[in-house]
C-alpha cells in the first residue's frame, strides 16, 4: 500500500500496483488525478504534472 495525500491534506492508502507506471529511480513524485467508481474503487490514475 502507498500512502498519499490529497490536495486537501487527507491521507489515502492506495494499492501500490496502480503506481507502477510512474515509478522512477527517485520513487514516485507528482500530481495525479484519480477517478473512482460509484463503489469507491479506483478506475484510473493519471499523472497531470
Protein backbone atom coordinates (compact mmCIF):
# COMPACT_ATOMS: atom_id res chain seq x y z
CA UNK A 1 0.00 0.00 0.00
CA UNK A 2 1.15 3.52 -0.80
CA UNK A 3 0.30 6.44 1.47
CA UNK A 4 -0.73 9.53 -0.49
CA UNK A 5 -2.06 12.92 0.50
CA UNK A 6 -4.86 14.60 -1.45
CA UNK A 7 -4.91 18.32 -2.20
CA UNK A 8 -6.98 18.90 0.94
CA UNK A 9 -4.47 17.12 3.18
CA UNK A 10 -6.46 13.89 3.61
CA UNK A 11 -4.32 10.75 3.81
CA UNK A 12 -5.30 7.88 1.49
CA UNK A 13 -3.90 4.35 1.17
CA UNK A 14 -3.81 3.02 -2.42
CA UNK A 15 -2.54 -0.31 -3.70
CA UNK A 16 1.00 0.26 -5.00
CA UNK A 17 0.33 -1.64 -8.22
CA UNK A 18 -1.55 1.40 -9.54
CA UNK A 19 1.65 3.46 -9.34
CA UNK A 20 3.97 1.04 -11.19
CA UNK A 21 3.86 3.01 -14.47
CA UNK A 22 5.08 6.11 -12.61
CA UNK A 23 7.98 4.65 -10.58
CA UNK A 24 11.42 6.11 -11.25
CA UNK A 25 14.79 5.70 -9.54
CA UNK A 26 13.74 8.50 -7.20
CA UNK A 27 10.40 6.90 -6.36
CA UNK A 28 7.01 8.33 -7.27
CA UNK A 29 6.54 12.09 -7.34
CA UNK A 30 3.98 14.34 -8.91
CA UNK A 31 0.37 15.38 -9.03
CA UNK A 32 -2.15 12.73 -10.04
CA UNK A 33 -5.83 12.65 -10.93
CA UNK A 34 -7.66 9.65 -9.51
CA UNK A 35 -11.09 8.55 -10.76
CA UNK A 36 -13.25 6.25 -8.63
CA UNK A 37 -16.36 4.27 -9.48
CA UNK A 38 -19.63 4.54 -7.53
CA UNK A 39 -18.33 1.92 -5.06
CA UNK A 40 -15.13 3.86 -4.37
CA UNK A 41 -12.86 1.57 -6.40
CA UNK A 42 -10.06 3.04 -8.48
CA UNK A 43 -10.94 3.33 -12.18
CA UNK A 44 -7.96 5.37 -13.39
CA UNK A 45 -4.85 7.12 -12.15
CA UNK A 46 -3.28 9.74 -14.44
CA UNK A 47 -0.23 11.89 -13.80
CA UNK A 48 -1.15 15.52 -14.54
CA UNK A 49 2.12 17.29 -13.81
